[in-house]
Every structure is written in structure tokens, then in C-alpha cells.
């Protein structure tokens, strides 16, 4: 299946990786910019896990969406804007699932305005759209 069969929208970028070994393997991007060891959560040693990778990707994407939302609100975001993302691997009656919390720090921006920007970003962010209705997500402003 190609991207063109998935959507009629214009594809802006496609990230490609090759992963072997699952949670105890390795993942490398086709351009070589990502080359990581994967380890199970709770183990020692080098490497990361899918939950950390998802948290990093989502928080970076969310900050981009915040820039658009802030522009719509007429607000300049501070240089020290930060998003702390927590992605939980949970197990319940239906099996394994994810849950997430995004805590946003917007120093120098009025709290109500910051909340509006965060909510706007949640509507714009592709990761937020992909998870909407599928996992529990909590948003907060620090």
C-alpha cells in the first residue's frame, strides 16, 4: 500500500524506518539520521522504547501545532516553550493500550491564553488527531 492509496491529501513527507527484533532490537531510518537500539522498559543499558519514541514525536509535533495555534491567537510563543509528554503502556480487560499526558510550559503567556493555544494545538496536531478517541489523553498547562 502506498501513501497515495491511504489518502487523497498531498503527502508532505514520509518517514521511513526499518526495525528488527521488536522491543529488543534496532531501528534505523532510510536516511541514516535515526539509528537506535531498542530495549524493553525497565531494563538497564542503552536504548529506548516505543513509548519514549512516541512521546518524543508527539511532543515535538505538538509544539509545531502550538506555533500555528498561537499565531491564530495573536500570541508569540516564548523561546523556552516546553512540552513534557508521558506515554503509558497499560493493560486492561481489552489487552494492551496507551494513555498519555501532555504538560505544556508557556512562560510569560497568560494562563487562559495558554490553555486556548494548547486546545487549539490539540485540534491541529497530527498525533493528537491520530489518537483522538483511541486513547485517554490529558492536557495541562504547567
N, C-alpha and C. Protein backbone atom coordinates (compact mmCIF):
# COMPACT_ATOMS: atom_id res chain seq x y z
N UNK A 1 0.85 -1.17 0.00
CA UNK A 1 0.00 0.00 0.00
C UNK A 1 0.90 1.24 0.00
N UNK A 2 0.63 2.17 -0.87
CA UNK A 2 1.39 3.42 -0.92
C UNK A 2 0.60 4.52 -0.25
N UNK A 3 1.28 5.61 0.04
CA UNK A 3 0.62 6.74 0.69
C UNK A 3 -0.53 7.26 -0.16
N UNK A 4 -0.39 7.20 -1.47
CA UNK A 4 -1.44 7.70 -2.35
C UNK A 4 -2.73 6.92 -2.19
N UNK A 5 -2.65 5.64 -1.81
CA UNK A 5 -3.87 4.86 -1.62
C UNK A 5 -4.49 5.09 -0.25
N UNK A 6 -3.72 5.66 0.67
CA UNK A 6 -4.22 5.90 2.02
C UNK A 6 -5.06 7.16 2.07
N UNK A 7 -4.68 8.18 1.32
CA UNK A 7 -5.35 9.47 1.39
C UNK A 7 -5.28 10.18 0.05
N UNK A 8 -6.22 11.04 -0.17
CA UNK A 8 -6.19 11.88 -1.37
C UNK A 8 -5.45 13.19 -1.10
N UNK A 9 -5.09 13.43 0.16
CA UNK A 9 -4.36 14.64 0.52
C UNK A 9 -2.94 14.59 -0.02
N UNK A 10 -2.34 15.76 -0.16
CA UNK A 10 -0.96 15.86 -0.63
C UNK A 10 -0.01 15.38 0.47
N UNK A 11 0.83 14.42 0.17
CA UNK A 11 1.81 13.92 1.12
C UNK A 11 2.96 14.92 1.19
N UNK A 12 3.22 15.46 2.37
CA UNK A 12 4.29 16.44 2.56
C UNK A 12 5.62 15.78 2.89
N UNK A 13 5.58 14.66 3.58
CA UNK A 13 6.79 13.97 3.99
C UNK A 13 6.42 12.56 4.41
N UNK A 14 7.30 11.63 4.17
CA UNK A 14 7.12 10.26 4.62
C UNK A 14 8.36 9.84 5.39
N UNK A 15 8.20 9.52 6.66
CA UNK A 15 9.29 8.99 7.46
C UNK A 15 9.35 7.48 7.25
N UNK A 16 10.54 6.97 7.01
CA UNK A 16 10.70 5.54 6.76
C UNK A 16 11.74 4.96 7.72
N UNK A 17 11.38 3.86 8.35
CA UNK A 17 12.32 3.16 9.21
C UNK A 17 12.28 1.67 8.91
N UNK A 18 13.35 1.00 9.28
CA UNK A 18 13.43 -0.45 9.22
C UNK A 18 13.75 -0.91 10.63
N UNK A 19 12.88 -1.73 11.20
CA UNK A 19 13.04 -2.18 12.57
C UNK A 19 13.15 -3.70 12.60
N UNK A 20 14.08 -4.19 13.40
CA UNK A 20 14.24 -5.62 13.60
C UNK A 20 14.27 -5.91 15.09
N UNK A 21 13.83 -7.08 15.48
CA UNK A 21 13.96 -7.51 16.87
C UNK A 21 12.93 -6.99 17.84
N UNK A 22 11.95 -6.23 17.37
CA UNK A 22 10.91 -5.73 18.27
C UNK A 22 11.45 -4.88 19.39
N UNK A 23 10.96 -5.11 20.61
CA UNK A 23 11.36 -4.29 21.76
C UNK A 23 12.80 -4.52 22.20
N UNK A 24 13.47 -5.50 21.65
CA UNK A 24 14.88 -5.73 21.99
C UNK A 24 15.73 -5.70 20.72
N UNK A 25 15.36 -4.86 19.80
CA UNK A 25 16.04 -4.82 18.51
C UNK A 25 16.68 -3.49 18.21
N UNK A 26 16.50 -3.07 16.97
CA UNK A 26 17.08 -1.82 16.50
C UNK A 26 16.17 -1.22 15.44
N UNK A 27 16.28 0.08 15.28
CA UNK A 27 15.50 0.78 14.26
C UNK A 27 16.40 1.81 13.60
N UNK A 28 16.30 1.87 12.29
CA UNK A 28 17.13 2.80 11.52
C UNK A 28 16.27 3.43 10.44
N UNK A 29 16.44 4.74 10.27
CA UNK A 29 15.71 5.43 9.20
C UNK A 29 16.43 5.23 7.88
N UNK A 30 15.69 5.37 6.79
CA UNK A 30 16.28 5.15 5.47
C UNK A 30 17.37 6.16 5.15
N UNK A 31 17.34 7.34 5.78
CA UNK A 31 18.37 8.35 5.53
C UNK A 31 19.53 8.28 6.54
N UNK A 32 19.45 7.36 7.50
CA UNK A 32 20.51 7.18 8.48
C UNK A 32 20.52 8.18 9.62
N UNK A 33 19.59 9.12 9.63
CA UNK A 33 19.58 10.13 10.68
C UNK A 33 19.10 9.56 12.01
N UNK A 34 18.36 8.47 11.96
CA UNK A 34 17.92 7.78 13.16
C UNK A 34 18.52 6.38 13.12
N UNK A 35 19.24 6.02 14.15
CA UNK A 35 19.87 4.71 14.24
C UNK A 35 19.93 4.37 15.72
N UNK A 36 18.93 3.63 16.20
CA UNK A 36 18.79 3.44 17.64
C UNK A 36 18.67 1.98 18.03
N UNK A 37 19.05 1.72 19.26
CA UNK A 37 18.86 0.42 19.88
C UNK A 37 17.55 0.47 20.67
N UNK A 38 16.78 -0.58 20.59
CA UNK A 38 15.53 -0.67 21.34
C UNK A 38 15.71 -1.62 22.51
N UNK A 39 15.17 -1.24 23.65
CA UNK A 39 15.21 -2.09 24.84
C UNK A 39 13.84 -2.10 25.49
N UNK A 40 13.58 -3.15 26.23
CA UNK A 40 12.32 -3.22 26.98
C UNK A 40 12.35 -2.19 28.10
N UNK A 41 11.18 -1.63 28.41
CA UNK A 41 11.11 -0.68 29.52
C UNK A 41 11.52 -1.40 30.80
N UNK A 42 12.15 -0.65 31.70
CA UNK A 42 12.54 -1.21 32.98
C UNK A 42 13.87 -1.94 32.97
N UNK A 43 14.51 -2.04 31.81
CA UNK A 43 15.81 -2.70 31.76
C UNK A 43 16.92 -1.65 31.79
N UNK A 44 18.12 -2.08 32.10
CA UNK A 44 19.26 -1.17 32.12
C UNK A 44 20.01 -1.31 30.80
N UNK A 45 20.83 -0.33 30.54
CA UNK A 45 21.62 -0.38 29.32
C UNK A 45 21.14 0.64 28.32
N UNK A 46 21.84 0.71 27.21
CA UNK A 46 21.50 1.71 26.19
C UNK A 46 20.21 1.34 25.47
N UNK A 47 19.60 2.33 24.89
CA UNK A 47 18.42 2.08 24.08
C UNK A 47 17.20 2.80 24.61
N UNK A 48 16.18 2.78 23.81
CA UNK A 48 14.92 3.43 24.14
C UNK A 48 13.80 2.45 23.85
N UNK A 49 12.57 2.90 24.01
CA UNK A 49 11.43 2.01 23.77
C UNK A 49 10.36 2.75 22.99
N UNK A 50 9.38 2.02 22.46
CA UNK A 50 8.35 2.66 21.64
C UNK A 50 7.59 3.77 22.36
N UNK A 51 7.36 3.63 23.66
CA UNK A 51 6.62 4.65 24.39
C UNK A 51 7.41 5.96 24.45
N UNK A 52 8.71 5.87 24.68
CA UNK A 52 9.55 7.08 24.69
C UNK A 52 9.60 7.71 23.31
N UNK A 53 9.71 6.90 22.28
CA UNK A 53 9.76 7.43 20.92
C UNK A 53 8.45 8.13 20.57
N UNK A 54 7.33 7.52 20.95
CA UNK A 54 6.02 8.13 20.69
C UNK A 54 5.89 9.45 21.43
N UNK A 55 6.34 9.47 22.69
CA UNK A 55 6.27 10.70 23.50
C UNK A 55 7.11 11.80 22.87
N UNK A 56 8.30 11.47 22.40
CA UNK A 56 9.18 12.47 21.78
C UNK A 56 8.58 13.00 20.49
N UNK A 57 8.08 12.11 19.66
CA UNK A 57 7.48 12.53 18.39
C UNK A 57 6.25 13.39 18.61
N UNK A 58 5.39 12.97 19.54
CA UNK A 58 4.16 13.71 19.79
C UNK A 58 4.47 15.09 20.35
N UNK A 59 5.38 15.17 21.32
CA UNK A 59 5.66 16.48 21.92
C UNK A 59 6.29 17.44 20.91
N UNK A 60 7.16 16.95 20.04
CA UNK A 60 7.76 17.81 19.01
C UNK A 60 6.69 18.28 18.02
N UNK A 61 5.84 17.37 17.60
CA UNK A 61 4.75 17.72 16.67
C UNK A 61 3.78 18.71 17.33
N UNK A 62 3.49 18.48 18.60
CA UNK A 62 2.55 19.33 19.33
C UNK A 62 3.07 20.76 19.41
N UNK A 63 4.38 20.91 19.58
CA UNK A 63 4.96 22.26 19.64
C UNK A 63 4.80 22.97 18.30
N UNK A 64 4.91 22.24 17.20
CA UNK A 64 4.66 22.85 15.89
C UNK A 64 3.22 23.29 15.75
N UNK A 65 2.30 22.46 16.24
CA UNK A 65 0.88 22.82 16.20
C UNK A 65 0.61 24.01 17.11
N UNK A 66 1.32 24.10 18.23
CA UNK A 66 1.16 25.25 19.12
C UNK A 66 1.56 26.54 18.43
N UNK A 67 2.59 26.49 17.61
CA UNK A 67 3.01 27.69 16.89
C UNK A 67 1.89 28.20 15.99
N UNK A 68 1.22 27.29 15.32
CA UNK A 68 0.08 27.69 14.47
C UNK A 68 -1.08 28.22 15.30
N UNK A 69 -1.38 27.53 16.39
CA UNK A 69 -2.48 27.96 17.25
C UNK A 69 -2.18 29.31 17.89
N UNK A 70 -0.94 29.53 18.29
CA UNK A 70 -0.55 30.81 18.89
C UNK A 70 -0.66 31.93 17.87
N UNK A 71 -0.28 31.66 16.65
CA UNK A 71 -0.38 32.66 15.59
C UNK A 71 -1.84 33.07 15.40
N UNK A 72 -2.74 32.10 15.42
CA UNK A 72 -4.16 32.38 15.28
C UNK A 72 -4.69 33.21 16.45
N UNK A 73 -4.07 33.05 17.63
CA UNK A 73 -4.46 33.81 18.83
C UNK A 73 -3.72 35.14 18.93
N UNK A 74 -2.80 35.39 18.00
CA UNK A 74 -2.02 36.62 18.04
C UNK A 74 -0.99 36.65 19.16
N UNK A 75 -0.47 35.49 19.52
CA UNK A 75 0.48 35.37 20.62
C UNK A 75 1.81 34.86 20.09
N UNK A 76 2.89 35.48 20.58
CA UNK A 76 4.23 34.99 20.26
C UNK A 76 4.64 34.02 21.36
N UNK A 77 5.00 32.80 20.97
CA UNK A 77 5.41 31.81 21.96
C UNK A 77 6.83 32.11 22.45
N UNK A 78 7.08 31.84 23.73
CA UNK A 78 8.42 32.10 24.27
C UNK A 78 9.43 31.07 23.75
N UNK A 79 10.69 31.47 23.75
CA UNK A 79 11.76 30.58 23.31
C UNK A 79 11.90 29.36 24.22
N UNK A 80 11.50 29.51 25.49
CA UNK A 80 11.63 28.39 26.42
C UNK A 80 10.33 27.58 26.56
N UNK A 81 9.49 27.64 25.54
CA UNK A 81 8.30 26.78 25.46
C UNK A 81 8.76 25.33 25.60
N UNK A 82 8.01 24.53 26.34
CA UNK A 82 8.37 23.12 26.52
C UNK A 82 7.12 22.26 26.65
N UNK A 83 7.22 21.04 26.18
CA UNK A 83 6.16 20.05 26.35
C UNK A 83 6.76 18.82 27.01
N UNK A 84 6.21 18.44 28.14
CA UNK A 84 6.58 17.18 28.79
C UNK A 84 5.50 16.17 28.44
N UNK A 85 5.89 15.11 27.76
CA UNK A 85 4.94 14.08 27.35
C UNK A 85 5.20 12.80 28.13
N UNK A 86 4.14 12.21 28.60
CA UNK A 86 4.21 10.91 29.27
C UNK A 86 3.28 9.98 28.51
N UNK A 87 3.81 8.86 28.07
CA UNK A 87 3.01 7.86 27.37
C UNK A 87 3.08 6.57 28.17
N UNK A 88 1.93 6.12 28.64
CA UNK A 88 1.84 4.90 29.44
C UNK A 88 1.47 3.72 28.57
N UNK A 89 2.11 2.60 28.82
CA UNK A 89 1.66 1.32 28.28
C UNK A 89 0.80 0.72 29.38
N UNK A 90 -0.46 0.49 29.10
CA UNK A 90 -1.39 -0.02 30.11
C UNK A 90 -1.96 -1.36 29.66
N UNK A 91 -2.39 -2.14 30.63
CA UNK A 91 -3.04 -3.41 30.31
C UNK A 91 -4.36 -3.47 31.05
N UNK A 92 -5.41 -3.69 30.30
CA UNK A 92 -6.74 -3.78 30.88
C UNK A 92 -7.47 -4.98 30.32
N UNK A 93 -8.78 -5.03 30.55
CA UNK A 93 -9.58 -6.16 30.07
C UNK A 93 -9.50 -6.37 28.56
N UNK A 94 -9.31 -5.28 27.83
CA UNK A 94 -9.23 -5.37 26.37
C UNK A 94 -7.83 -5.63 25.85
N UNK A 95 -6.86 -5.79 26.74
CA UNK A 95 -5.48 -6.02 26.32
C UNK A 95 -4.62 -4.79 26.54
N UNK A 96 -3.55 -4.68 25.77
CA UNK A 96 -2.63 -3.57 25.91
C UNK A 96 -3.16 -2.33 25.20
N UNK A 97 -2.85 -1.17 25.77
CA UNK A 97 -3.26 0.11 25.18
C UNK A 97 -2.28 1.18 25.66
N UNK A 98 -2.46 2.36 25.14
CA UNK A 98 -1.66 3.51 25.55
C UNK A 98 -2.55 4.54 26.23
N UNK A 99 -1.96 5.35 27.07
CA UNK A 99 -2.60 6.53 27.66
C UNK A 99 -1.52 7.60 27.68
N UNK A 100 -1.92 8.86 27.63
CA UNK A 100 -0.92 9.92 27.53
C UNK A 100 -1.31 11.17 28.30
N UNK A 101 -0.26 11.88 28.73
CA UNK A 101 -0.41 13.18 29.36
C UNK A 101 0.60 14.12 28.73
N UNK A 102 0.12 15.29 28.31
CA UNK A 102 1.00 16.34 27.79
C UNK A 102 0.88 17.53 28.73
N UNK A 103 2.00 17.92 29.31
CA UNK A 103 2.05 19.09 30.19
C UNK A 103 2.88 20.14 29.49
N UNK A 104 2.26 21.29 29.26
CA UNK A 104 2.88 22.34 28.46
C UNK A 104 3.29 23.50 29.36
N UNK A 105 4.51 23.97 29.17
CA UNK A 105 5.02 25.14 29.88
C UNK A 105 5.15 26.28 28.88
N UNK A 106 4.40 27.36 29.14
CA UNK A 106 4.38 28.52 28.25
C UNK A 106 4.69 29.76 29.09
N UNK A 107 5.96 29.91 29.52
CA UNK A 107 6.32 31.03 30.39
C UNK A 107 5.99 32.38 29.76
N UNK A 108 5.42 33.26 30.60
CA UNK A 108 5.13 34.62 30.15
C UNK A 108 3.84 34.78 29.38
N UNK A 109 3.09 33.70 29.18
CA UNK A 109 1.81 33.78 28.47
C UNK A 109 0.70 33.60 29.49
N UNK A 110 -0.30 34.48 29.42
CA UNK A 110 -1.47 34.40 30.29
C UNK A 110 -2.04 32.98 30.27
N UNK A 111 -2.40 32.47 31.45
CA UNK A 111 -2.86 31.08 31.57
C UNK A 111 -4.06 30.78 30.67
N UNK A 112 -5.06 31.66 30.64
CA UNK A 112 -6.23 31.41 29.79
C UNK A 112 -5.84 31.37 28.32
N UNK A 113 -4.94 32.25 27.92
CA UNK A 113 -4.46 32.27 26.54
C UNK A 113 -3.67 31.00 26.25
N UNK A 114 -2.84 30.59 27.22
CA UNK A 114 -2.05 29.36 27.05
C UNK A 114 -2.96 28.14 26.90
N UNK A 115 -4.02 28.09 27.70
CA UNK A 115 -4.98 26.98 27.60
C UNK A 115 -5.65 26.96 26.23
N UNK A 116 -6.00 28.13 25.72
CA UNK A 116 -6.62 28.21 24.39
C UNK A 116 -5.65 27.74 23.31
N UNK A 117 -4.39 28.10 23.45
CA UNK A 117 -3.38 27.67 22.48
C UNK A 117 -3.19 26.16 22.54
N UNK A 118 -3.13 25.60 23.74
CA UNK A 118 -2.96 24.16 23.90
C UNK A 118 -4.15 23.42 23.30
N UNK A 119 -5.36 23.90 23.56
CA UNK A 119 -6.55 23.25 23.00
C UNK A 119 -6.55 23.37 21.48
N UNK A 120 -6.17 24.53 20.97
CA UNK A 120 -6.08 24.71 19.52
C UNK A 120 -5.05 23.78 18.90
N UNK A 121 -3.92 23.65 19.57
CA UNK A 121 -2.86 22.75 19.08
C UNK A 121 -3.34 21.31 19.07
N UNK A 122 -4.12 20.93 20.08
CA UNK A 122 -4.63 19.56 20.15
C UNK A 122 -5.57 19.26 18.97
N UNK A 123 -6.25 20.28 18.48
CA UNK A 123 -7.11 20.09 17.31
C UNK A 123 -6.30 20.02 16.02
N UNK A 124 -5.13 20.64 15.99
CA UNK A 124 -4.30 20.71 14.78
C UNK A 124 -3.27 19.59 14.66
N UNK A 125 -2.72 19.16 15.77
CA UNK A 125 -1.58 18.24 15.78
C UNK A 125 -1.95 16.87 15.18
N UNK A 126 -1.20 16.40 14.18
CA UNK A 126 -1.48 15.10 13.59
C UNK A 126 -1.43 13.93 14.59
N UNK A 127 -0.53 13.98 15.57
CA UNK A 127 -0.50 12.92 16.59
C UNK A 127 -1.79 12.96 17.42
N UNK A 128 -2.22 14.15 17.79
CA UNK A 128 -3.46 14.28 18.56
C UNK A 128 -4.65 13.77 17.75
N UNK A 129 -4.66 14.09 16.47
CA UNK A 129 -5.74 13.60 15.61
C UNK A 129 -5.72 12.08 15.51
N UNK A 130 -4.52 11.51 15.39
CA UNK A 130 -4.39 10.06 15.24
C UNK A 130 -4.83 9.31 16.49
N UNK A 131 -4.67 9.93 17.66
CA UNK A 131 -5.01 9.26 18.91
C UNK A 131 -6.41 9.60 19.41
N UNK A 132 -7.02 10.63 18.85
CA UNK A 132 -8.32 11.11 19.34
C UNK A 132 -9.35 9.98 19.31
N UNK A 133 -9.95 9.74 20.47
CA UNK A 133 -10.98 8.72 20.57
C UNK A 133 -10.41 7.31 20.71
N UNK A 134 -9.08 7.18 20.63
CA UNK A 134 -8.46 5.86 20.71
C UNK A 134 -7.76 5.60 22.03
N UNK A 135 -7.25 6.67 22.66
CA UNK A 135 -6.56 6.52 23.94
C UNK A 135 -6.96 7.67 24.86
N UNK A 136 -6.76 7.46 26.14
CA UNK A 136 -7.00 8.53 27.12
C UNK A 136 -5.87 9.54 27.01
N UNK A 137 -6.23 10.82 26.88
CA UNK A 137 -5.24 11.89 26.77
C UNK A 137 -5.62 13.00 27.74
N UNK A 138 -4.64 13.44 28.54
CA UNK A 138 -4.83 14.57 29.44
C UNK A 138 -3.90 15.69 29.00
N UNK A 139 -4.43 16.89 28.89
CA UNK A 139 -3.65 18.08 28.55
C UNK A 139 -3.65 19.02 29.74
N UNK A 140 -2.50 19.61 30.03
CA UNK A 140 -2.46 20.60 31.10
C UNK A 140 -1.39 21.64 30.80
N UNK A 141 -1.55 22.79 31.45
CA UNK A 141 -0.57 23.87 31.35
C UNK A 141 0.10 23.98 32.71
N UNK A 142 1.42 23.92 32.70
CA UNK A 142 2.19 23.97 33.96
C UNK A 142 2.17 25.38 34.53
